[in-house]
Amino acid sequence: MESAQVSPASSRLRNAAFAPIGDEGRAELVETRLLQAISSGAFIEGERLPSENELSQLFGVALVTVREALGTLRHRGLIDTKRGRGGGSFVRSSPGVVEEVNTRALMAMPRVALADLGVHYEVIVAACAEYACLRATEDELDVVQRVLVDARDLPPGPWRRRITDVQLELAALSQSVRLTSEHVRVQTEFTPLLALQDAQVEQRHLTHDSLLAQIEATREGDVAKAREVVRASVRSSVRWLGGLRTELQGDSASEQLRATLERYRGQSGTASFTGEAA
């Protein structure tokens, strides 16, 4: 089946990022969508974004709106624009900038909104996991597991992209177009926040081991176990993020944010950490 071939997560994330905006087509919304695409790994360092005309058509907004959004991303150090033949807007090598953007997004998110996003993500992932238990084949699971095992010791950036591939492929094994599409949409929103954990090796291994357990539960057709694994993993991440959000309140300068983030990563531990309740 097609889902046995692990395709780049970026293709699904890009489709979600470029869903038409319609009448709400303000530059801020275009900027947010592009920022999510870069933060989630749908576009990586040095990669060219679609042209201004293509973005205008994809988002269903005016060309001037796209140009305004791209100008803001340039000012924030996230993209470079080259004119002439072979030109366009390219993603910059800016992991520190992306991390700061994601950190500020977490700070700006109300605690209740973070918890609600976690609940939404948990429900969708658990539903996909349930139907994957009923529909996935051994061959499909073998392919996904190989990708996951090979990713364990990758550096944070490549690791997050590979893990997102695995998460989306597991969702696709549900064989539900609606559930998979919703998973992609919520994943696009949640992944930039989840990536804040990635500099901590223990957190990466916790996520990795949880996905291995989910694959094994799926292989056994154990719906209850698959749902429980998903539930525990998502809630652990939301608690971690909630605790980080609390620590960050009051910080404003970039140096303060980085110092708080590094301190929190050093003290928070893994699954035993208890931050704000999900």
Protein backbone atom coordinates (compact mmCIF):
# COMPACT_ATOMS: atom_id res chain seq x y z
CA MET A 1 0.00 0.00 0.00
CA GLU A 2 1.06 3.60 -0.52
CA SER A 3 1.32 4.29 3.21
CA ALA A 4 4.06 1.65 3.51
CA GLN A 5 6.39 4.06 1.76
CA VAL A 6 7.46 6.72 4.24
CA SER A 7 7.20 10.00 2.36
CA PRO A 8 8.70 13.28 3.57
CA ALA A 9 6.58 14.86 6.28
CA SER A 10 7.20 18.20 4.58
CA SER A 11 4.75 17.37 1.76
CA ARG A 12 1.85 16.92 4.17
CA LEU A 13 2.91 19.83 6.39
CA ARG A 14 3.23 22.08 3.36
CA ASN A 15 -0.28 21.24 2.20
CA ALA A 16 -1.58 22.19 5.65
CA ALA A 17 0.49 25.35 5.80
CA PHE A 18 -0.70 26.50 2.38
CA ALA A 19 -4.42 25.85 2.84
CA PRO A 20 -6.33 28.90 1.50
CA ILE A 21 -6.83 31.72 3.97
CA GLY A 22 -9.70 33.32 2.09
CA ASP A 23 -11.36 36.49 3.30
CA GLU A 24 -9.20 36.64 6.42
CA GLY A 25 -6.14 37.07 4.22
CA ARG A 26 -4.11 39.50 6.25
CA ALA A 27 -0.33 39.61 6.10
CA GLU A 28 -0.12 38.46 9.73
CA LEU A 29 -1.92 35.21 8.89
CA VAL A 30 0.29 34.54 5.87
CA GLU A 31 3.34 35.24 8.04
CA THR A 32 2.05 32.83 10.72
CA ARG A 33 1.46 30.05 8.18
CA LEU A 34 4.93 30.45 6.67
CA LEU A 35 6.47 30.62 10.12
CA GLN A 36 4.73 27.37 11.08
CA ALA A 37 6.01 25.73 7.91
CA ILE A 38 9.59 26.73 8.71
CA SER A 39 9.33 25.95 12.44
CA SER A 40 7.82 22.51 11.85
CA GLY A 41 10.52 21.50 9.37
CA ALA A 42 8.32 21.56 6.28
CA PHE A 43 11.02 23.81 4.81
CA ILE A 44 14.63 23.41 5.89
CA GLU A 45 17.74 25.56 5.76
CA GLY A 46 18.59 26.74 2.25
CA GLU A 47 15.32 25.58 0.74
CA ARG A 48 13.39 27.87 -1.58
CA LEU A 49 9.86 28.89 -0.69
CA PRO A 50 7.21 29.00 -3.42
CA SER A 51 7.30 32.19 -5.48
CA GLU A 52 5.27 35.25 -4.53
CA ASN A 53 2.74 34.46 -7.26
CA GLU A 54 2.48 30.84 -6.13
CA LEU A 55 1.98 31.86 -2.50
CA SER A 56 -0.67 34.35 -3.54
CA GLN A 57 -2.59 31.62 -5.36
CA LEU A 58 -2.09 29.01 -2.63
CA PHE A 59 -3.28 31.28 0.16
CA GLY A 60 -5.94 33.03 -1.93
CA VAL A 61 -4.64 36.49 -1.00
CA ALA A 62 -3.36 39.54 -2.85
CA LEU A 63 0.26 39.67 -4.00
CA VAL A 64 0.91 42.74 -1.84
CA THR A 65 -0.18 40.72 1.23
CA VAL A 66 2.36 38.01 0.43
CA ARG A 67 5.11 40.57 -0.07
CA GLU A 68 4.34 42.20 3.26
CA ALA A 69 4.49 38.84 5.04
CA LEU A 70 7.78 37.89 3.36
CA GLY A 71 9.22 41.30 4.27
CA THR A 72 8.44 40.66 7.94
CA LEU A 73 10.07 37.22 7.83
CA ARG A 74 13.16 38.77 6.23
CA HIS A 75 13.30 41.42 8.95
CA ARG A 76 13.10 38.67 11.60
CA GLY A 77 16.05 36.86 10.03
CA LEU A 78 14.15 33.78 8.91
CA ILE A 79 14.50 34.10 5.14
CA ASP A 80 16.75 35.71 2.54
CA THR A 81 15.47 36.95 -0.81
CA LYS A 82 17.56 36.87 -3.97
CA ARG A 83 16.55 38.65 -7.15
CA GLY A 84 17.13 37.62 -10.72
CA ARG A 85 17.59 34.22 -12.30
CA GLY A 86 17.45 31.43 -9.74
CA GLY A 87 16.23 33.90 -7.18
CA GLY A 88 13.41 33.73 -4.67
CA SER A 89 12.98 33.54 -0.91
CA PHE A 90 15.14 30.98 0.88
CA VAL A 91 15.07 29.70 4.46
CA ARG A 92 18.07 30.99 6.41
CA SER A 93 20.29 29.02 8.74
CA SER A 94 18.65 30.42 11.85
CA PRO A 95 17.93 27.72 14.47
CA GLY A 96 18.36 30.27 17.28
CA VAL A 97 15.90 32.66 15.65
CA VAL A 98 13.33 29.90 15.06
CA GLU A 99 13.71 28.73 18.66
CA GLU A 100 13.15 32.24 19.98
CA VAL A 101 10.06 32.63 17.78
CA ASN A 102 8.68 29.33 19.10
CA THR A 103 9.50 30.30 22.68
CA ARG A 104 7.69 33.62 22.35
CA ALA A 105 4.71 31.83 20.80
CA LEU A 106 4.55 29.60 23.89
CA MET A 107 4.79 32.63 26.19
CA ALA A 108 1.94 34.36 24.36
CA MET A 109 -0.33 31.32 24.52
CA PRO A 110 -2.73 31.33 27.48
CA ARG A 111 -2.35 28.33 29.78
CA VAL A 112 -5.89 27.17 28.97
CA ALA A 113 -5.19 27.41 25.22
CA LEU A 114 -2.04 25.28 25.60
CA ALA A 115 -3.97 22.65 27.55
CA ASP A 116 -6.76 22.72 24.96
CA LEU A 117 -4.30 22.30 22.09
CA GLY A 118 -2.86 19.31 23.93
CA VAL A 119 -6.33 17.79 24.36
CA HIS A 120 -7.13 18.32 20.68
CA TYR A 121 -3.84 16.75 19.61
CA GLU A 122 -4.27 13.83 22.03
CA VAL A 123 -7.79 13.04 20.81
CA ILE A 124 -6.80 13.08 17.13
CA VAL A 125 -3.62 11.05 17.60
CA ALA A 126 -5.42 8.50 19.80
CA ALA A 127 -8.21 8.10 17.24
CA CYS A 128 -5.64 7.54 14.46
CA ALA A 129 -3.83 5.04 16.68
CA GLU A 130 -7.05 3.11 17.32
CA TYR A 131 -7.85 2.66 13.64
CA ALA A 132 -4.22 1.88 12.80
CA CYS A 133 -4.49 -1.03 15.27
CA LEU A 134 -7.35 -2.36 13.19
CA ARG A 135 -6.00 -1.64 9.71
CA ALA A 136 -2.20 -1.45 9.57
CA THR A 137 -0.19 -4.35 8.14
CA GLU A 138 3.05 -5.84 9.43
CA ASP A 139 4.95 -4.61 6.37
CA GLU A 140 3.75 -1.04 6.87
CA LEU A 141 4.73 -1.08 10.53
CA ASP A 142 8.14 -2.56 9.70
CA VAL A 143 8.88 0.38 7.37
CA VAL A 144 7.86 2.99 9.95
CA GLN A 145 9.79 1.23 12.73
CA ARG A 146 12.99 1.16 10.67
CA VAL A 147 12.73 4.91 10.06
CA LEU A 148 12.18 5.48 13.78
CA VAL A 149 15.06 3.27 14.94
CA ASP A 150 17.48 4.96 12.51
CA ALA A 151 16.50 8.37 13.92
CA ARG A 152 17.29 7.76 17.60
CA ASP A 153 20.74 9.36 17.73
CA LEU A 154 20.27 12.12 15.16
CA PRO A 155 20.91 15.77 16.16
CA PRO A 156 17.81 17.72 17.27
CA GLY A 157 16.86 19.30 13.90
CA PRO A 158 17.04 16.18 11.72
CA TRP A 159 15.61 14.13 14.61
CA ARG A 160 12.49 16.31 14.84
CA ARG A 161 11.89 16.10 11.09
CA ARG A 162 12.25 12.31 11.14
CA ILE A 163 10.00 11.98 14.18
CA THR A 164 7.36 14.12 12.46
CA ASP A 165 7.62 11.77 9.44
CA VAL A 166 6.94 8.82 11.75
CA GLN A 167 4.05 10.51 13.55
CA LEU A 168 2.34 11.40 10.29
CA GLU A 169 2.90 7.94 8.82
CA LEU A 170 1.38 6.33 11.91
CA ALA A 171 -1.63 8.62 11.45
CA ALA A 172 -1.87 7.63 7.78
CA LEU A 173 -2.02 3.95 8.80
CA SER A 174 -5.49 4.68 10.19
CA GLN A 175 -6.55 4.76 6.51
CA SER A 176 -8.91 7.62 7.37
CA VAL A 177 -8.45 10.66 5.13
CA ARG A 178 -10.36 12.93 7.50
CA LEU A 179 -8.45 11.85 10.62
CA THR A 180 -5.09 12.03 8.86
CA SER A 181 -5.84 15.50 7.45
CA GLU A 182 -6.82 16.78 10.88
CA HIS A 183 -3.71 15.20 12.38
CA VAL A 184 -1.55 17.04 9.86
CA ARG A 185 -3.31 20.33 10.59
CA VAL A 186 -2.87 20.07 14.37
CA GLN A 187 0.66 18.68 14.01
CA THR A 188 1.62 21.78 12.02
CA GLU A 189 0.48 23.95 14.92
CA PHE A 190 1.90 21.82 17.74
CA THR A 191 5.28 20.72 16.34
CA PRO A 192 7.02 24.12 16.78
CA LEU A 193 6.18 23.98 20.49
CA LEU A 194 7.18 20.33 20.86
CA ALA A 195 10.53 21.17 19.25
CA LEU A 196 11.42 23.29 22.29
CA GLN A 197 12.06 20.00 24.14
CA ASP A 198 14.48 18.68 21.53
CA ALA A 199 17.76 20.03 22.89
CA GLN A 200 17.22 17.74 25.88
CA VAL A 201 18.39 14.23 24.96
CA GLU A 202 16.21 12.63 27.63
CA GLN A 203 13.08 14.21 26.16
CA ARG A 204 13.97 13.03 22.66
CA HIS A 205 14.49 9.49 23.92
CA LEU A 206 11.22 9.63 25.84
CA THR A 207 9.35 10.56 22.65
CA HIS A 208 11.26 7.94 20.66
CA ASP A 209 10.46 5.17 23.14
CA SER A 210 6.82 6.20 23.26
CA LEU A 211 6.54 5.88 19.47
CA LEU A 212 8.20 2.45 19.62
CA ALA A 213 5.63 1.40 22.23
CA GLN A 214 2.84 2.74 20.02
CA ILE A 215 4.11 0.72 17.06
CA GLU A 216 4.26 -2.43 19.18
CA ALA A 217 0.73 -1.87 20.49
CA THR A 218 -0.44 -1.34 16.90
CA ARG A 219 1.31 -4.54 15.83
CA GLU A 220 -0.54 -6.41 18.61
CA GLY A 221 -3.85 -4.78 17.69
CA ASP A 222 -4.10 -3.55 21.29
CA VAL A 223 -6.29 -0.44 21.01
CA ALA A 224 -6.35 0.30 24.75
CA LYS A 225 -2.57 0.13 25.02
CA ALA A 226 -2.03 2.31 21.93
CA ARG A 227 -4.41 4.95 23.28
CA GLU A 228 -2.74 4.90 26.71
CA VAL A 229 0.75 5.31 25.19
CA VAL A 230 -0.44 8.31 23.15
CA ARG A 231 -2.22 9.83 26.13
CA ALA A 232 0.80 9.55 28.43
CA SER A 233 3.21 10.97 25.83
CA VAL A 234 1.09 13.99 24.88
CA ARG A 235 0.26 14.85 28.49
CA SER A 236 3.91 14.62 29.49
CA SER A 237 4.85 17.06 26.71
CA VAL A 238 2.07 19.48 27.65
CA ARG A 239 3.18 19.42 31.30
CA TRP A 240 6.76 20.11 30.19
CA LEU A 241 5.64 23.01 28.02
CA GLY A 242 3.35 24.34 30.74
CA GLY A 243 6.21 24.38 33.21
CA LEU A 244 8.48 26.14 30.71
CA ARG A 245 5.77 28.72 30.00
CA THR A 246 5.53 29.50 33.73
CA GLU A 247 9.32 29.91 33.99
CA LEU A 248 9.40 32.25 30.99
CA GLN A 249 6.80 34.72 32.26
CA GLY A 250 8.47 38.06 32.86
CA ASP A 251 11.36 37.44 30.45
CA SER A 252 11.48 39.72 27.42
CA ALA A 253 15.04 40.13 26.16
CA SER A 254 16.41 37.41 23.89
CA GLU A 255 19.29 36.72 26.30
CA GLN A 256 16.83 36.19 29.16
CA LEU A 257 14.74 33.78 27.10
CA ARG A 258 17.74 31.69 26.11
CA ALA A 259 19.06 31.58 29.67
CA THR A 260 15.67 30.53 31.07
CA LEU A 261 15.21 27.90 28.38
CA GLU A 262 18.62 26.37 29.02
CA ARG A 263 18.14 26.43 32.80
CA TYR A 264 14.73 24.80 32.50
CA ARG A 265 16.03 22.08 30.20
CA GLY A 266 18.74 21.33 32.71
CA GLN A 267 16.42 20.98 35.69
CA SER A 268 13.17 19.56 34.32
CA GLY A 269 14.12 15.91 33.86
CA THR A 270 11.84 13.70 31.80
CA ALA A 271 8.57 11.95 32.48
CA SER A 272 8.75 12.53 36.22
CA PHE A 273 8.62 16.29 35.82
CA THR A 274 5.36 17.89 36.86
CA GLY A 275 4.61 21.32 35.45
CA GLU A 276 1.21 22.87 34.94
CA ALA A 277 -1.53 20.30 34.66
CA ALA A 278 -2.78 19.50 31.19
